[in-house]
């Protein structure tokens, strides 16, 4: 099996262009301000936490978003939608907020999770990141953040590739805006990073100031 270097480069260039267009085409809406406000009010105002969830590749993105939020001053955890049905739903508290990710907006486990969450705590707001803003998952959501629905760069058009890139960027938009809203500083960052390069860099910035 031969690998053609020229073909790999051409494919790479095409992928970079396609994913760049997809990121640039993310719909910029007022729903982002709503989502940030909800997270700030529930987590930093009411003492709750952000609970993210998704299935499969979307779940991996949701887990990454949760860890990024936690490291930047907003307590967050990832809840596996299937495990939620077997007792892990107990991690929820009344003042929490949910961030759910589903490209199709039809993922059975995520749709069922919404019903389970509201069966336990009806007032918990739900923020949705999806490629299908008219799906069942968005009904009753407090904020819907569409990905733009760009085609996957996978040659089969199936494997989550472009969609997960866009989901990650949307997560970054939320994290950065919440950091700004709560006035998160390098000193705050250093308190949460005691080791490694990032910890040393944050402490150095704090000492300079």
C-alpha atoms as a PDB file:
ATOM      1  CA  UNK A   1       0.000   0.000   0.000  1.00  0.00           C
ATOM      2  CA  UNK A   2       1.645   3.207  -1.210  1.00  0.00           C
ATOM      3  CA  UNK A   3       1.167   6.668   0.290  1.00  0.00           C
ATOM      4  CA  UNK A   4       1.405   9.478  -2.233  1.00  0.00           C
ATOM      5  CA  UNK A   5       3.035  12.508  -0.569  1.00  0.00           C
ATOM      6  CA  UNK A   6       1.540  14.918  -3.104  1.00  0.00           C
ATOM      7  CA  UNK A   7      -1.945  13.521  -2.536  1.00  0.00           C
ATOM      8  CA  UNK A   8      -1.574  13.809   1.239  1.00  0.00           C
ATOM      9  CA  UNK A   9      -0.578  17.477   0.908  1.00  0.00           C
ATOM     10  CA  UNK A  10      -3.477  18.209  -1.440  1.00  0.00           C
ATOM     11  CA  UNK A  11      -5.910  16.492   0.911  1.00  0.00           C
ATOM     12  CA  UNK A  12      -4.484  18.394   3.852  1.00  0.00           C
ATOM     13  CA  UNK A  13      -4.911  21.725   2.085  1.00  0.00           C
ATOM     14  CA  UNK A  14      -8.500  20.855   1.182  1.00  0.00           C
ATOM     15  CA  UNK A  15      -9.281  19.839   4.769  1.00  0.00           C
ATOM     16  CA  UNK A  16      -7.743  23.000   6.214  1.00  0.00           C
ATOM     17  CA  UNK A  17      -9.764  25.143   3.833  1.00  0.00           C
ATOM     18  CA  UNK A  18     -13.006  23.255   4.489  1.00  0.00           C
ATOM     19  CA  UNK A  19     -12.665  23.357   8.263  1.00  0.00           C
ATOM     20  CA  UNK A  20     -11.615  27.011   8.210  1.00  0.00           C
ATOM     21  CA  UNK A  21     -14.754  27.853   6.217  1.00  0.00           C
ATOM     22  CA  UNK A  22     -16.870  25.860   8.655  1.00  0.00           C
ATOM     23  CA  UNK A  23     -15.476  27.734  11.655  1.00  0.00           C
ATOM     24  CA  UNK A  24     -15.935  31.087   9.906  1.00  0.00           C
ATOM     25  CA  UNK A  25     -19.535  30.126   9.100  1.00  0.00           C
ATOM     26  CA  UNK A  26     -20.610  29.435  12.705  1.00  0.00           C
ATOM     27  CA  UNK A  27     -23.784  31.520  13.171  1.00  0.00           C
ATOM     28  CA  UNK A  28     -23.087  34.459  15.489  1.00  0.00           C
ATOM     29  CA  UNK A  29     -26.284  35.014  17.458  1.00  0.00           C
ATOM     30  CA  UNK A  30     -27.565  36.598  20.671  1.00  0.00           C
ATOM     31  CA  UNK A  31     -27.937  33.077  22.058  1.00  0.00           C
ATOM     32  CA  UNK A  32     -24.265  33.172  23.041  1.00  0.00           C
ATOM     33  CA  UNK A  33     -24.893  36.093  25.386  1.00  0.00           C
ATOM     34  CA  UNK A  34     -27.867  34.180  26.810  1.00  0.00           C
ATOM     35  CA  UNK A  35     -25.721  31.073  27.354  1.00  0.00           C
ATOM     36  CA  UNK A  36     -22.943  33.022  29.046  1.00  0.00           C
ATOM     37  CA  UNK A  37     -25.423  34.839  31.273  1.00  0.00           C
ATOM     38  CA  UNK A  38     -27.062  31.561  32.305  1.00  0.00           C
ATOM     39  CA  UNK A  39     -23.719  29.955  33.174  1.00  0.00           C
ATOM     40  CA  UNK A  40     -22.548  32.981  35.156  1.00  0.00           C
ATOM     41  CA  UNK A  41     -25.834  33.317  37.053  1.00  0.00           C
ATOM     42  CA  UNK A  42     -26.225  29.610  37.855  1.00  0.00           C
ATOM     43  CA  UNK A  43     -22.616  28.762  38.641  1.00  0.00           C
ATOM     44  CA  UNK A  44     -21.129  31.978  39.996  1.00  0.00           C
ATOM     45  CA  UNK A  45     -24.335  33.526  41.294  1.00  0.00           C
ATOM     46  CA  UNK A  46     -26.275  30.582  42.681  1.00  0.00           C
ATOM     47  CA  UNK A  47     -23.378  28.237  43.501  1.00  0.00           C
ATOM     48  CA  UNK A  48     -24.256  25.544  40.978  1.00  0.00           C
ATOM     49  CA  UNK A  49     -22.030  23.929  38.361  1.00  0.00           C
ATOM     50  CA  UNK A  50     -21.967  23.359  34.636  1.00  0.00           C
ATOM     51  CA  UNK A  51     -22.791  19.797  33.607  1.00  0.00           C
ATOM     52  CA  UNK A  52     -21.857  18.870  30.040  1.00  0.00           C
ATOM     53  CA  UNK A  53     -22.948  15.808  28.109  1.00  0.00           C
ATOM     54  CA  UNK A  54     -22.765  14.236  24.685  1.00  0.00           C
ATOM     55  CA  UNK A  55     -22.568  10.785  23.153  1.00  0.00           C
ATOM     56  CA  UNK A  56     -19.633   9.355  21.207  1.00  0.00           C
ATOM     57  CA  UNK A  57     -17.311  11.955  19.656  1.00  0.00           C
ATOM     58  CA  UNK A  58     -19.608  14.755  20.827  1.00  0.00           C
ATOM     59  CA  UNK A  59     -19.224  13.364  24.322  1.00  0.00           C
ATOM     60  CA  UNK A  60     -15.448  13.663  24.074  1.00  0.00           C
ATOM     61  CA  UNK A  61     -15.849  17.302  23.099  1.00  0.00           C
ATOM     62  CA  UNK A  62     -18.267  17.835  25.999  1.00  0.00           C
ATOM     63  CA  UNK A  63     -15.759  16.312  28.424  1.00  0.00           C
ATOM     64  CA  UNK A  64     -13.013  18.581  27.102  1.00  0.00           C
ATOM     65  CA  UNK A  65     -15.226  21.652  27.466  1.00  0.00           C
ATOM     66  CA  UNK A  66     -15.962  20.695  31.081  1.00  0.00           C
ATOM     67  CA  UNK A  67     -12.272  20.411  31.973  1.00  0.00           C
ATOM     68  CA  UNK A  68     -11.499  23.731  30.264  1.00  0.00           C
ATOM     69  CA  UNK A  69     -14.268  25.462  32.206  1.00  0.00           C
ATOM     70  CA  UNK A  70     -13.061  23.946  35.481  1.00  0.00           C
ATOM     71  CA  UNK A  71      -9.489  25.091  34.870  1.00  0.00           C
ATOM     72  CA  UNK A  72     -10.675  28.643  34.227  1.00  0.00           C
ATOM     73  CA  UNK A  73     -12.735  29.132  37.362  1.00  0.00           C
ATOM     74  CA  UNK A  74     -16.130  27.705  36.440  1.00  0.00           C
ATOM     75  CA  UNK A  75     -16.818  24.355  38.169  1.00  0.00           C
ATOM     76  CA  UNK A  76     -17.916  21.840  35.543  1.00  0.00           C
ATOM     77  CA  UNK A  77     -18.274  18.082  35.189  1.00  0.00           C
ATOM     78  CA  UNK A  78     -18.992  15.709  32.328  1.00  0.00           C
ATOM     79  CA  UNK A  79     -22.001  13.413  32.712  1.00  0.00           C
ATOM     80  CA  UNK A  80     -22.138  10.362  30.442  1.00  0.00           C
ATOM     81  CA  UNK A  81     -25.715  10.197  29.114  1.00  0.00           C
ATOM     82  CA  UNK A  82     -25.942   6.412  29.408  1.00  0.00           C
ATOM     83  CA  UNK A  83     -24.444   6.261  32.897  1.00  0.00           C
ATOM     84  CA  UNK A  84     -26.899   8.982  33.906  1.00  0.00           C
ATOM     85  CA  UNK A  85     -29.662   6.415  33.482  1.00  0.00           C
ATOM     86  CA  UNK A  86     -27.902   4.118  35.936  1.00  0.00           C
ATOM     87  CA  UNK A  87     -27.470   6.447  38.889  1.00  0.00           C
ATOM     88  CA  UNK A  88     -24.972   9.089  37.781  1.00  0.00           C
ATOM     89  CA  UNK A  89     -27.842  11.555  37.362  1.00  0.00           C
ATOM     90  CA  UNK A  90     -27.404  12.010  41.107  1.00  0.00           C
ATOM     91  CA  UNK A  91     -24.495  14.372  40.435  1.00  0.00           C
ATOM     92  CA  UNK A  92     -27.035  17.079  39.579  1.00  0.00           C
ATOM     93  CA  UNK A  93     -28.107  19.796  41.997  1.00  0.00           C
ATOM     94  CA  UNK A  94     -31.016  22.258  41.588  1.00  0.00           C
ATOM     95  CA  UNK A  95     -28.811  25.259  40.691  1.00  0.00           C
ATOM     96  CA  UNK A  96     -26.818  23.493  37.960  1.00  0.00           C
ATOM     97  CA  UNK A  97     -26.969  24.216  34.232  1.00  0.00           C
ATOM     98  CA  UNK A  98     -26.703  21.646  31.421  1.00  0.00           C
ATOM     99  CA  UNK A  99     -24.654  22.013  28.232  1.00  0.00           C
ATOM    100  CA  UNK A 100     -25.658  19.295  25.759  1.00  0.00           C
ATOM    101  CA  UNK A 101     -23.934  18.517  22.460  1.00  0.00           C
ATOM    102  CA  UNK A 102     -25.486  16.571  19.579  1.00  0.00           C
ATOM    103  CA  UNK A 103     -24.727  17.240  15.935  1.00  0.00           C
ATOM    104  CA  UNK A 104     -27.977  15.659  14.747  1.00  0.00           C
ATOM    105  CA  UNK A 105     -30.057  16.938  17.648  1.00  0.00           C
ATOM    106  CA  UNK A 106     -31.654  13.493  17.645  1.00  0.00           C
ATOM    107  CA  UNK A 107     -29.200  11.457  19.721  1.00  0.00           C
ATOM    108  CA  UNK A 108     -31.492   9.191  21.711  1.00  0.00           C
ATOM    109  CA  UNK A 109     -29.427   9.171  24.891  1.00  0.00           C
ATOM    110  CA  UNK A 110     -29.207  12.966  24.953  1.00  0.00           C
ATOM    111  CA  UNK A 111     -32.898  13.502  24.240  1.00  0.00           C
ATOM    112  CA  UNK A 112     -33.727  11.052  27.023  1.00  0.00           C
ATOM    113  CA  UNK A 113     -31.266  12.811  29.328  1.00  0.00           C
ATOM    114  CA  UNK A 114     -33.222  16.068  29.043  1.00  0.00           C
ATOM    115  CA  UNK A 115     -36.368  14.286  30.231  1.00  0.00           C
ATOM    116  CA  UNK A 116     -34.464  12.679  33.102  1.00  0.00           C
ATOM    117  CA  UNK A 117     -32.926  15.987  34.169  1.00  0.00           C
ATOM    118  CA  UNK A 118     -36.227  17.830  34.163  1.00  0.00           C
ATOM    119  CA  UNK A 119     -37.891  14.948  35.922  1.00  0.00           C
ATOM    120  CA  UNK A 120     -35.439  15.459  38.777  1.00  0.00           C
ATOM    121  CA  UNK A 121     -35.065  19.246  38.690  1.00  0.00           C
ATOM    122  CA  UNK A 122     -37.562  20.895  36.290  1.00  0.00           C
ATOM    123  CA  UNK A 123     -35.959  24.346  36.496  1.00  0.00           C
ATOM    124  CA  UNK A 124     -32.461  23.392  35.319  1.00  0.00           C
ATOM    125  CA  UNK A 125     -31.755  25.360  32.105  1.00  0.00           C
ATOM    126  CA  UNK A 126     -30.387  23.540  29.068  1.00  0.00           C
ATOM    127  CA  UNK A 127     -27.917  24.986  26.562  1.00  0.00           C
ATOM    128  CA  UNK A 128     -27.636  23.036  23.299  1.00  0.00           C
ATOM    129  CA  UNK A 129     -24.842  22.920  20.715  1.00  0.00           C
ATOM    130  CA  UNK A 130     -26.153  21.264  17.562  1.00  0.00           C
ATOM    131  CA  UNK A 131     -25.989  21.140  13.797  1.00  0.00           C
ATOM    132  CA  UNK A 132     -29.777  20.847  13.673  1.00  0.00           C
ATOM    133  CA  UNK A 133     -31.389  23.848  15.416  1.00  0.00           C
ATOM    134  CA  UNK A 134     -34.905  22.638  14.547  1.00  0.00           C
ATOM    135  CA  UNK A 135     -34.465  19.227  16.167  1.00  0.00           C
ATOM    136  CA  UNK A 136     -36.325  17.699  19.082  1.00  0.00           C
ATOM    137  CA  UNK A 137     -33.402  18.426  21.397  1.00  0.00           C
ATOM    138  CA  UNK A 138     -33.764  22.184  20.977  1.00  0.00           C
ATOM    139  CA  UNK A 139     -37.413  22.286  21.995  1.00  0.00           C
ATOM    140  CA  UNK A 140     -37.600  24.060  25.332  1.00  0.00           C
ATOM    141  CA  UNK A 141     -33.849  24.781  25.426  1.00  0.00           C
ATOM    142  CA  UNK A 142     -32.795  28.014  27.126  1.00  0.00           C
ATOM    143  CA  UNK A 143     -30.140  28.729  24.480  1.00  0.00           C
ATOM    144  CA  UNK A 144     -29.455  27.028  21.147  1.00  0.00           C
ATOM    145  CA  UNK A 145     -26.015  27.421  19.566  1.00  0.00           C
ATOM    146  CA  UNK A 146     -26.072  26.123  15.963  1.00  0.00           C
ATOM    147  CA  UNK A 147     -22.832  24.840  14.465  1.00  0.00           C
ATOM    148  CA  UNK A 148     -23.813  25.840  10.953  1.00  0.00           C
ATOM    149  CA  UNK A 149     -24.153  22.244   9.816  1.00  0.00           C
ATOM    150  CA  UNK A 150     -21.063  22.123   7.577  1.00  0.00           C
ATOM    151  CA  UNK A 151     -20.363  18.805   5.839  1.00  0.00           C
ATOM    152  CA  UNK A 152     -17.834  16.464   7.411  1.00  0.00           C
ATOM    153  CA  UNK A 153     -14.436  16.337   5.687  1.00  0.00           C
ATOM    154  CA  UNK A 154     -14.437  12.563   6.137  1.00  0.00           C
ATOM    155  CA  UNK A 155     -14.431  11.067   2.595  1.00  0.00           C
ATOM    156  CA  UNK A 156     -17.485   9.023   3.587  1.00  0.00           C
ATOM    157  CA  UNK A 157     -19.250  12.097   4.912  1.00  0.00           C
ATOM    158  CA  UNK A 158     -19.929  10.199   8.125  1.00  0.00           C
ATOM    159  CA  UNK A 159     -17.097  10.400  10.651  1.00  0.00           C
ATOM    160  CA  UNK A 160     -17.408  13.398  13.018  1.00  0.00           C
ATOM    161  CA  UNK A 161     -14.564  15.624  11.850  1.00  0.00           C
ATOM    162  CA  UNK A 162     -15.636  19.119  10.812  1.00  0.00           C
ATOM    163  CA  UNK A 163     -18.537  19.013  13.276  1.00  0.00           C
ATOM    164  CA  UNK A 164     -16.277  18.259  16.244  1.00  0.00           C
ATOM    165  CA  UNK A 165     -13.890  21.032  15.221  1.00  0.00           C
ATOM    166  CA  UNK A 166     -16.760  23.522  15.196  1.00  0.00           C
ATOM    167  CA  UNK A 167     -18.122  22.220  18.516  1.00  0.00           C
ATOM    168  CA  UNK A 168     -14.721  22.744  20.108  1.00  0.00           C
ATOM    169  CA  UNK A 169     -14.573  26.324  18.845  1.00  0.00           C
ATOM    170  CA  UNK A 170     -18.051  27.044  20.203  1.00  0.00           C
ATOM    171  CA  UNK A 171     -16.903  25.687  23.560  1.00  0.00           C
ATOM    172  CA  UNK A 172     -13.923  28.039  23.430  1.00  0.00           C
ATOM    173  CA  UNK A 173     -16.242  30.985  22.727  1.00  0.00           C
ATOM    174  CA  UNK A 174     -18.267  30.155  25.835  1.00  0.00           C
ATOM    175  CA  UNK A 175     -15.215  29.608  28.047  1.00  0.00           C
ATOM    176  CA  UNK A 176     -13.499  32.856  27.035  1.00  0.00           C
ATOM    177  CA  UNK A 177     -16.638  34.948  27.467  1.00  0.00           C
ATOM    178  CA  UNK A 178     -17.368  33.470  30.887  1.00  0.00           C
ATOM    179  CA  UNK A 179     -13.737  34.154  31.914  1.00  0.00           C
ATOM    180  CA  UNK A 180     -14.231  37.789  30.896  1.00  0.00           C
ATOM    181  CA  UNK A 181     -17.568  38.020  32.701  1.00  0.00           C
ATOM    182  CA  UNK A 182     -16.153  36.764  36.014  1.00  0.00           C
ATOM    183  CA  UNK A 183     -12.866  38.666  35.717  1.00  0.00           C
ATOM    184  CA  UNK A 184     -10.724  35.540  35.821  1.00  0.00           C
ATOM    185  CA  UNK A 185      -7.041  36.432  36.259  1.00  0.00           C
ATOM    186  CA  UNK A 186      -3.612  34.832  35.879  1.00  0.00           C
ATOM    187  CA  UNK A 187      -3.490  34.629  39.689  1.00  0.00           C
ATOM    188  CA  UNK A 188      -6.762  32.699  39.670  1.00  0.00           C
ATOM    189  CA  UNK A 189      -5.356  30.427  36.972  1.00  0.00           C
ATOM    190  CA  UNK A 190      -2.172  29.786  38.965  1.00  0.00           C
ATOM    191  CA  UNK A 191      -4.223  28.644  41.959  1.00  0.00           C
ATOM    192  CA  UNK A 192      -5.708  25.897  39.795  1.00  0.00           C
ATOM    193  CA  UNK A 193      -2.464  24.875  38.062  1.00  0.00           C
ATOM    194  CA  UNK A 194       0.241  23.891  40.524  1.00  0.00           C
ATOM    195  CA  UNK A 195       2.409  21.886  38.158  1.00  0.00           C
ATOM    196  CA  UNK A 196       3.727  21.854  34.641  1.00  0.00           C
ATOM    197  CA  UNK A 197       4.500  24.570  32.137  1.00  0.00           C
ATOM    198  CA  UNK A 198       1.113  26.302  32.400  1.00  0.00           C
ATOM    199  CA  UNK A 199       1.368  26.521  36.177  1.00  0.00           C
ATOM    200  CA  UNK A 200       4.850  28.029  35.996  1.00  0.00           C
ATOM    201  CA  UNK A 201       3.785  30.495  33.307  1.00  0.00           C
ATOM    202  CA  UNK A 202       0.722  31.597  35.280  1.00  0.00           C
ATOM    203  CA  UNK A 203       2.786  32.119  38.431  1.00  0.00           C
ATOM    204  CA  UNK A 204       5.361  34.115  36.483  1.00  0.00           C
ATOM    205  CA  UNK A 205       2.636  36.392  35.113  1.00  0.00           C
ATOM    206  CA  UNK A 206       1.247  36.844  38.621  1.00  0.00           C
ATOM    207  CA  UNK A 207       4.673  37.762  40.024  1.00  0.00           C
ATOM    208  CA  UNK A 208       5.201  40.332  37.250  1.00  0.00           C
ATOM    209  CA  UNK A 209       1.979  42.067  38.189  1.00  0.00           C
END
